[in-house]
Amino acid sequence: MVLSRVWGFGRKWARAGMLGLALSCISWISGCRRPPEGQAVKPEFSHQPAAVLNQEPPRFDPFPWSRYEAEEGKTTGQIRGPSRVYYSPESESSGRRHVRLDAPGQFVEFTITQPGDGLVLRYCVPDAPEGNGRTHTLSLYRNGKMESKLSLTSRHAWSYGDFPWSNDPKQGRPHHFFDESRWIFPEFRPGDVLRLQKDQEDCADYYLIDFIELEKIPAPLPRPPESLSLDDFGAKGDDEQDDRAALVECLRRAEEKNQIVWVPRGNFRLEGERIPLGKVRVQGEGLWYSCLTGKGPMFAMSGQPVFFSDLAISGDTNHRNDNSPDNAFDGNFGDGSVFRHVWIEHLKCGFWTTAGTGLLGIDLSATSEVGSVS
């Protein structure tokens, strides 16, 4: 799935094709290949430029998900667009079209062609009058039977005014309408009919549906033998505890002993300032399993090579402030740094590079959501 959510824009980057490279350095972006299921990846750092390594140009294999555009499905709602008019939801929609559901009983449905158990929805729901977002439900049906009430929020969408932009609706000129959410369900199979419907209790004034994507989630990766696990340092995951101190100590010990930091399955909350990263390797069970979340899943690069793979980073940034480093990774990326199979969302930017950054590799393989590179 795409990483197209650099501060809020859909399938966190790779998916929506919104990856921008503004690097005064040598960079490479690899395609969508993943290692064999169940095979952990041991990274190798190199300070050699790609040309010296005689690397072949990257190949872009088919992405491991299937996309279903709302306007191509069956619907009783309204198909809006195409339009490129600035400050319109159509201009930010995939294909410049989407489906609007605004009356009880209206739906859009899709006949599934490829199996998948990971569901991503790109959508828009109205903002609150104060600009701080609202949460609503939308009904999901499988083959005519209720599957789930999907929780959708506008907290991380909707910006107003001109640069540097605002969360105040009184500024007018709304934009950045869409967000993406993801869920894991029992596998949807070819021929299944998946319906999104506004039922009576789904109380948003309207729902704009851009697309859904389904992915067959790979098996979780095994813990590498030469690794230090985050939970060995007191991190609990799936609770309200701040696991920042545990991660900082785990990173310090791993760098000292030249071992891998292992992020097990769970949602690990991080608060506070950016976390410094030295020459270290961080790996999770997979981007559908291991997640760093909270208001502070942000890292300060130190000019040393880093390998980061197979996990998700889900922040809580709901504003755009260029004087605040609300980026997943920020600073001087050391030569040979590699980021692969990473989902980044709800932060201003995925990668913000500064002077000194040299050879940086971003492998979008199976990336569900990635941000931009600046």
Protein backbone atom coordinates (compact mmCIF):
# COMPACT_ATOMS: atom_id res chain seq x y z
CA MET A 1 0.00 0.00 0.00
CA VAL A 2 1.16 3.43 -0.66
CA LEU A 3 2.80 5.66 1.65
CA SER A 4 1.07 8.71 0.66
CA ARG A 5 0.49 10.47 3.85
CA VAL A 6 3.09 13.06 4.24
CA TRP A 7 1.21 15.28 6.59
CA GLY A 8 -2.06 13.99 5.45
CA PHE A 9 -2.27 13.08 1.82
CA GLY A 10 -3.50 9.55 1.36
CA ARG A 11 -1.84 6.17 1.03
CA LYS A 12 1.14 7.50 2.59
CA TRP A 13 3.34 8.37 -0.29
CA ALA A 14 4.21 5.45 -2.45
CA ARG A 15 0.67 4.52 -3.15
CA ALA A 16 -0.54 7.77 -4.39
CA GLY A 17 2.70 8.46 -6.17
CA MET A 18 3.31 11.60 -4.15
CA LEU A 19 6.91 10.92 -3.29
CA GLY A 20 9.02 13.97 -4.03
CA LEU A 21 12.76 13.98 -3.93
CA ALA A 22 14.34 17.34 -3.18
CA LEU A 23 17.73 16.05 -2.20
CA SER A 24 21.08 17.66 -2.87
CA CYS A 25 22.53 14.18 -2.66
CA ILE A 26 22.64 10.81 -4.38
CA SER A 27 19.40 8.90 -3.76
CA TRP A 28 17.80 5.70 -4.91
CA ILE A 29 14.26 4.47 -4.65
CA SER A 30 13.67 0.79 -5.09
CA GLY A 31 10.50 -0.88 -6.31
CA CYS A 32 7.93 -3.02 -4.67
CA ARG A 33 9.70 -6.28 -4.05
CA ARG A 34 9.60 -7.78 -0.59
CA PRO A 35 11.78 -10.57 0.84
CA PRO A 36 10.33 -14.08 0.98
CA GLU A 37 7.67 -14.38 3.65
CA GLY A 38 9.09 -15.15 7.05
CA GLN A 39 12.62 -14.12 6.10
CA ALA A 40 14.17 -11.42 8.23
CA VAL A 41 16.41 -8.89 6.56
CA LYS A 42 19.91 -8.23 7.86
CA PRO A 43 20.93 -4.84 6.51
CA GLU A 44 24.37 -4.05 5.19
CA PHE A 45 25.61 -0.51 5.29
CA SER A 46 27.77 0.84 2.52
CA HIS A 47 29.35 4.20 1.99
CA GLN A 48 29.89 3.58 -1.71
CA PRO A 49 27.87 5.61 -4.23
CA ALA A 50 25.38 3.60 -6.27
CA ALA A 51 27.48 4.09 -9.40
CA VAL A 52 30.53 2.59 -7.67
CA LEU A 53 28.47 -0.38 -6.54
CA ASN A 54 27.41 -0.87 -10.16
CA GLN A 55 23.80 -1.28 -9.10
CA GLU A 56 21.17 -1.99 -11.72
CA PRO A 57 18.37 0.53 -12.10
CA PRO A 58 15.54 -0.29 -9.68
CA ARG A 59 12.68 -2.42 -11.01
CA PHE A 60 9.11 -1.56 -10.11
CA ASP A 61 7.21 -4.80 -9.73
CA PRO A 62 3.43 -4.77 -9.23
CA PHE A 63 2.34 -3.39 -5.90
CA PRO A 64 0.98 -6.02 -3.48
CA TRP A 65 -2.45 -4.41 -3.21
CA SER A 66 -5.49 -3.88 -5.40
CA ARG A 67 -7.16 -0.49 -5.70
CA TYR A 68 -10.87 0.03 -6.29
CA GLU A 69 -11.86 3.55 -7.33
CA ALA A 70 -15.18 4.67 -5.86
CA GLU A 71 -16.42 6.24 -9.10
CA GLU A 72 -15.91 2.88 -10.85
CA GLY A 73 -18.00 0.99 -8.29
CA LYS A 74 -21.76 0.62 -8.05
CA THR A 75 -23.28 3.55 -6.15
CA THR A 76 -26.51 5.29 -5.22
CA GLY A 77 -24.50 8.35 -4.21
CA GLN A 78 -23.23 11.15 -6.39
CA ILE A 79 -20.13 10.88 -8.55
CA ARG A 80 -18.32 14.20 -8.31
CA GLY A 81 -15.79 15.41 -10.87
CA PRO A 82 -13.58 15.28 -12.73
CA SER A 83 -12.32 18.72 -11.78
CA ARG A 84 -8.95 20.37 -11.18
CA VAL A 85 -10.39 23.50 -9.57
CA TYR A 86 -8.10 24.51 -6.73
CA TYR A 87 -9.56 24.22 -3.21
CA SER A 88 -12.07 21.59 -4.32
CA PRO A 89 -12.18 17.98 -3.03
CA GLU A 90 -12.24 16.79 -6.64
CA SER A 91 -8.82 18.33 -7.29
CA GLU A 92 -7.36 16.26 -4.44
CA SER A 93 -9.13 13.03 -5.41
CA SER A 94 -7.44 10.15 -7.22
CA GLY A 95 -8.41 10.58 -10.85
CA ARG A 96 -10.00 13.92 -9.81
CA ARG A 97 -13.26 12.06 -9.00
CA HIS A 98 -14.90 10.63 -5.90
CA VAL A 99 -18.32 9.48 -4.64
CA ARG A 100 -20.36 11.54 -2.17
CA LEU A 101 -22.74 9.82 0.27
CA ASP A 102 -24.98 12.30 2.09
CA ALA A 103 -28.33 10.57 2.67
CA PRO A 104 -29.18 7.50 4.78
CA GLY A 105 -29.09 4.35 2.69
CA GLN A 106 -26.70 5.68 0.07
CA PHE A 107 -23.80 3.37 -0.68
CA VAL A 108 -20.88 2.58 -2.92
CA GLU A 109 -19.88 -1.05 -3.41
CA PHE A 110 -17.08 -3.01 -5.03
CA THR A 111 -16.77 -6.56 -6.33
CA ILE A 112 -13.46 -7.90 -5.09
CA THR A 113 -11.08 -9.36 -7.70
CA GLN A 114 -8.02 -10.18 -5.57
CA PRO A 115 -7.90 -11.65 -2.06
CA GLY A 116 -6.93 -9.37 0.79
CA ASP A 117 -7.32 -8.91 4.52
CA GLY A 118 -5.77 -5.46 4.92
CA LEU A 119 -8.21 -2.69 3.99
CA VAL A 120 -7.27 0.96 3.38
CA LEU A 121 -9.92 3.62 2.80
CA ARG A 122 -9.23 7.12 1.49
CA TYR A 123 -12.07 9.40 2.54
CA CYS A 124 -13.18 12.82 3.70
CA VAL A 125 -15.66 13.72 6.45
CA PRO A 126 -16.54 17.28 7.54
CA ASP A 127 -14.40 19.24 9.96
CA ALA A 128 -15.66 20.62 13.26
CA PRO A 129 -16.61 24.34 13.33
CA GLU A 130 -13.58 24.95 15.58
CA GLY A 131 -11.25 23.14 13.15
CA ASN A 132 -10.24 20.36 15.55
CA GLY A 133 -11.92 17.52 13.71
CA ARG A 134 -14.79 15.15 14.35
CA THR A 135 -15.13 11.36 14.44
CA HIS A 136 -17.96 9.50 12.72
CA THR A 137 -18.83 5.95 11.76
CA LEU A 138 -19.50 4.48 8.33
CA SER A 139 -21.03 1.03 7.79
CA LEU A 140 -19.10 -1.73 6.03
CA TYR A 141 -21.02 -4.70 4.60
CA ARG A 142 -19.72 -7.95 3.15
CA ASN A 143 -22.09 -9.77 0.80
CA GLY A 144 -25.08 -7.97 2.30
CA LYS A 145 -24.18 -8.62 5.96
CA MET A 146 -22.84 -6.07 8.39
CA GLU A 147 -19.08 -6.46 8.76
CA SER A 148 -18.06 -3.47 10.86
CA LYS A 149 -18.68 0.12 11.82
CA LEU A 150 -15.63 1.96 10.52
CA SER A 151 -14.42 4.86 12.67
CA LEU A 152 -13.43 7.84 10.51
CA THR A 153 -12.01 11.16 11.66
CA SER A 154 -11.30 14.58 10.21
CA ARG A 155 -8.76 15.41 12.94
CA HIS A 156 -5.76 15.02 10.63
CA ALA A 157 -7.31 16.62 7.55
CA TRP A 158 -8.63 20.09 6.63
CA SER A 159 -6.29 23.08 6.51
CA TYR A 160 -7.27 26.69 5.86
CA GLY A 161 -5.98 29.99 4.56
CA ASP A 162 -2.67 30.69 2.86
CA PHE A 163 0.87 29.66 3.74
CA PRO A 164 1.83 28.85 6.47
CA TRP A 165 -1.81 27.70 6.76
CA SER A 166 -4.07 27.30 9.75
CA ASN A 167 -6.56 25.02 11.49
CA ASP A 168 -9.02 27.92 11.78
CA PRO A 169 -12.00 27.54 9.42
CA LYS A 170 -12.52 31.31 9.62
CA GLN A 171 -9.43 31.69 7.43
CA GLY A 172 -11.38 30.18 4.52
CA ARG A 173 -9.76 28.51 1.48
CA PRO A 174 -10.07 24.94 2.81
CA HIS A 175 -7.86 22.21 1.38
CA HIS A 176 -6.15 18.94 2.41
CA PHE A 177 -9.54 17.25 2.59
CA PHE A 178 -8.69 13.55 2.60
CA ASP A 179 -7.28 11.11 5.11
CA GLU A 180 -6.68 7.37 5.05
CA SER A 181 -7.44 4.72 7.61
CA ARG A 182 -6.66 1.02 7.62
CA TRP A 183 -8.06 -2.11 9.23
CA ILE A 184 -7.45 -5.87 9.29
CA PHE A 185 -10.42 -8.15 8.55
CA PRO A 186 -10.97 -11.82 7.83
CA GLU A 187 -9.91 -12.27 4.23
CA PHE A 188 -12.04 -10.80 1.48
CA ARG A 189 -12.13 -13.23 -1.44
CA PRO A 190 -12.66 -12.75 -5.18
CA GLY A 191 -16.37 -12.35 -5.85
CA ASP A 192 -17.14 -10.85 -2.44
CA VAL A 193 -19.13 -7.62 -2.59
CA LEU A 194 -17.85 -4.97 -0.21
CA ARG A 195 -20.25 -2.09 0.46
CA LEU A 196 -19.69 1.22 2.24
CA GLN A 197 -23.06 2.62 3.31
CA LYS A 198 -24.30 5.62 5.26
CA ASP A 199 -26.79 4.10 7.67
CA GLN A 200 -29.17 6.09 9.85
CA GLU A 201 -26.74 6.10 12.79
CA ASP A 202 -23.79 7.19 10.64
CA CYS A 203 -24.18 10.87 11.43
CA ALA A 204 -21.64 12.78 9.33
CA ASP A 205 -23.34 15.26 7.02
CA TYR A 206 -21.53 13.60 4.14
CA TYR A 207 -18.80 11.09 3.28
CA LEU A 208 -16.50 11.53 0.29
CA ILE A 209 -15.12 8.16 -0.81
CA ASP A 210 -12.06 8.27 -3.05
CA PHE A 211 -10.95 4.62 -3.16
CA ILE A 212 -10.31 1.48 -1.17
CA GLU A 213 -7.29 -0.79 -1.39
CA LEU A 214 -6.98 -4.41 -0.33
CA GLU A 215 -3.71 -6.13 0.48
CA LYS A 216 -2.92 -9.71 1.36
CA ILE A 217 -0.99 -9.11 4.57
CA PRO A 218 2.24 -11.14 4.70
CA ALA A 219 3.13 -13.30 7.67
CA PRO A 220 4.92 -11.48 10.51
CA LEU A 221 8.69 -11.53 10.36
CA PRO A 222 10.59 -13.53 13.01
CA ARG A 223 12.75 -11.79 15.56
CA PRO A 224 16.38 -11.70 14.42
CA PRO A 225 18.64 -13.69 16.73
CA GLU A 226 21.10 -10.82 17.24
CA SER A 227 18.50 -8.31 18.45
CA LEU A 228 17.38 -6.42 21.54
CA SER A 229 13.60 -6.31 21.92
CA LEU A 230 11.86 -3.12 22.90
CA ASP A 231 9.71 -4.93 25.45
CA ASP A 232 12.84 -6.15 27.26
CA PHE A 233 13.38 -2.54 28.30
CA GLY A 234 9.95 -2.05 29.85
CA ALA A 235 7.85 -1.07 26.83
CA LYS A 236 4.37 -2.55 27.04
CA GLY A 237 2.60 -1.58 23.83
CA ASP A 238 -1.16 -1.29 23.33
CA ASP A 239 -1.58 0.92 26.40
CA GLU A 240 -1.29 4.59 27.36
CA GLN A 241 2.25 4.25 28.73
CA ASP A 242 4.94 6.43 27.22
CA ASP A 243 7.57 4.02 25.86
CA ARG A 244 10.07 6.71 24.89
CA ALA A 245 12.55 5.97 27.70
CA ALA A 246 12.49 2.26 26.86
CA LEU A 247 13.17 2.92 23.18
CA VAL A 248 15.98 5.40 23.90
CA GLU A 249 17.74 2.90 26.14
CA CYS A 250 17.19 0.06 23.68
CA LEU A 251 18.68 2.18 20.89
CA ARG A 252 21.67 3.13 23.04
CA ARG A 253 22.41 -0.47 23.98
CA ALA A 254 21.93 -1.72 20.43
CA GLU A 255 24.33 0.87 19.01
CA GLU A 256 26.86 0.07 21.72
CA LYS A 257 26.70 -3.69 21.05
CA ASN A 258 26.10 -3.45 17.28
CA GLN A 259 22.78 -5.28 17.61
CA ILE A 260 19.36 -4.85 16.00
CA VAL A 261 16.51 -3.07 17.78
CA TRP A 262 13.46 -5.34 17.50
CA VAL A 263 10.00 -3.72 17.67
CA PRO A 264 7.53 -6.53 18.42
CA ARG A 265 3.85 -6.56 17.57
CA GLY A 266 1.88 -3.77 19.21
CA ASN A 267 1.32 -0.02 19.32
CA PHE A 268 4.10 1.68 21.25
CA ARG A 269 3.33 5.22 22.36
CA LEU A 270 6.11 7.81 22.12
CA GLU A 271 5.83 11.33 23.58
CA GLY A 272 8.22 14.24 23.96
CA GLU A 273 11.10 15.50 21.83
CA ARG A 274 12.65 13.85 18.78
CA ILE A 275 14.69 10.74 19.53
CA PRO A 276 18.34 10.83 18.37
CA LEU A 277 19.42 8.02 16.04
CA GLY A 278 23.03 6.91 15.71
CA LYS A 279 24.35 4.03 13.63
CA VAL A 280 21.59 1.56 14.39
CA ARG A 281 19.25 -0.97 12.83
CA VAL A 282 15.55 -0.97 13.72
CA GLN A 283 13.17 -3.67 12.52
CA GLY A 284 9.59 -4.65 13.27
CA GLU A 285 7.40 -7.67 12.59
CA GLY A 286 5.85 -5.87 9.63
CA LEU A 287 4.08 -2.60 8.91
CA TRP A 288 0.71 -4.16 9.71
CA TYR A 289 1.94 -5.46 13.08
CA SER A 290 4.49 -3.13 14.71
CA CYS A 291 3.65 0.54 15.17
CA LEU A 292 5.26 3.57 16.84
CA THR A 293 2.50 6.01 17.68
CA GLY A 294 1.61 9.01 19.87
CA LYS A 295 2.65 12.64 19.51
CA GLY A 296 6.39 11.91 19.38
CA PRO A 297 7.29 9.10 16.95
CA MET A 298 9.95 11.38 15.44
CA PHE A 299 13.68 10.87 15.05
CA ALA A 300 16.70 13.16 14.74
CA MET A 301 19.37 11.88 12.38
CA SER A 302 23.01 12.25 13.39
CA GLY A 303 24.88 11.82 10.11
CA GLN A 304 25.43 8.12 10.71
CA PRO A 305 23.85 5.33 8.62
CA VAL A 306 20.51 3.99 9.81
CA PHE A 307 18.47 0.98 8.67
CA PHE A 308 14.74 1.21 9.46
CA SER A 309 12.31 -1.43 8.24
CA ASP A 310 9.02 -3.28 8.56
CA LEU A 311 6.99 -1.10 10.87
CA ALA A 312 4.50 1.76 10.91
CA ILE A 313 4.86 5.27 12.31
CA SER A 314 1.56 6.94 13.15
CA GLY A 315 1.82 10.45 14.59
CA ASP A 316 -0.81 12.89 15.76
CA THR A 317 0.15 16.09 13.96
CA ASN A 318 -2.98 18.00 12.97
CA HIS A 319 -1.42 21.27 11.82
CA ARG A 320 1.22 22.57 9.44
CA ASN A 321 3.98 24.54 11.14
CA ASP A 322 7.24 24.82 9.23
CA ASN A 323 8.99 26.11 12.35
CA SER A 324 8.24 22.83 14.12
CA PRO A 325 10.12 19.66 13.13
CA ASP A 326 7.06 17.40 13.03
CA ASN A 327 8.78 14.94 10.72
CA ALA A 328 9.26 11.24 11.15
CA PHE A 329 12.96 11.52 10.26
CA ASP A 330 14.79 14.83 10.29
CA GLY A 331 18.41 15.87 9.80
CA ASN A 332 21.61 14.60 8.22
CA PHE A 333 21.05 11.05 6.96
CA GLY A 334 24.32 9.15 6.95
CA ASP A 335 25.59 7.56 3.75
CA GLY A 336 24.09 4.12 3.31
CA SER A 337 20.90 4.81 5.29
CA VAL A 338 18.03 2.62 4.14
CA PHE A 339 14.30 2.77 4.90
CA ARG A 340 12.13 -0.06 3.61
CA HIS A 341 8.61 -1.40 4.15
CA VAL A 342 7.62 1.58 6.31
CA TRP A 343 4.18 3.20 6.68
CA ILE A 344 4.27 6.84 7.85
CA GLU A 345 1.18 8.91 8.55
CA HIS A 346 -0.15 11.96 10.38
CA LEU A 347 3.14 13.83 10.49
CA LYS A 348 4.17 16.93 8.55
CA CYS A 349 6.72 15.04 6.49
CA GLY A 350 8.25 11.60 6.31
CA PHE A 351 11.89 12.52 5.61
CA TRP A 352 13.33 16.01 6.00
CA THR A 353 16.95 15.96 4.90
CA THR A 354 19.54 18.58 5.78
CA ALA A 355 23.08 19.39 4.66
CA GLY A 356 25.44 16.44 4.65
CA THR A 357 22.94 13.83 3.52
CA GLY A 358 24.57 11.62 0.93
CA LEU A 359 23.52 8.16 -0.24
CA LEU A 360 19.99 7.59 1.05
CA GLY A 361 17.86 4.60 0.03
CA ILE A 362 14.10 4.53 0.32
CA ASP A 363 12.60 1.20 -0.67
CA LEU A 364 8.86 1.62 -1.15
CA SER A 365 8.28 -2.11 -1.39
CA ALA A 366 4.91 -2.92 0.05
CA THR A 367 4.86 0.41 1.77
CA SER A 368 1.37 1.19 2.82
CA GLU A 369 1.92 4.79 3.56
CA VAL A 370 4.93 6.85 3.19
CA GLY A 371 5.51 10.54 3.35
CA SER A 372 7.53 12.89 1.27
CA VAL A 373 11.21 13.55 1.15
CA SER A 374 12.27 17.18 1.48
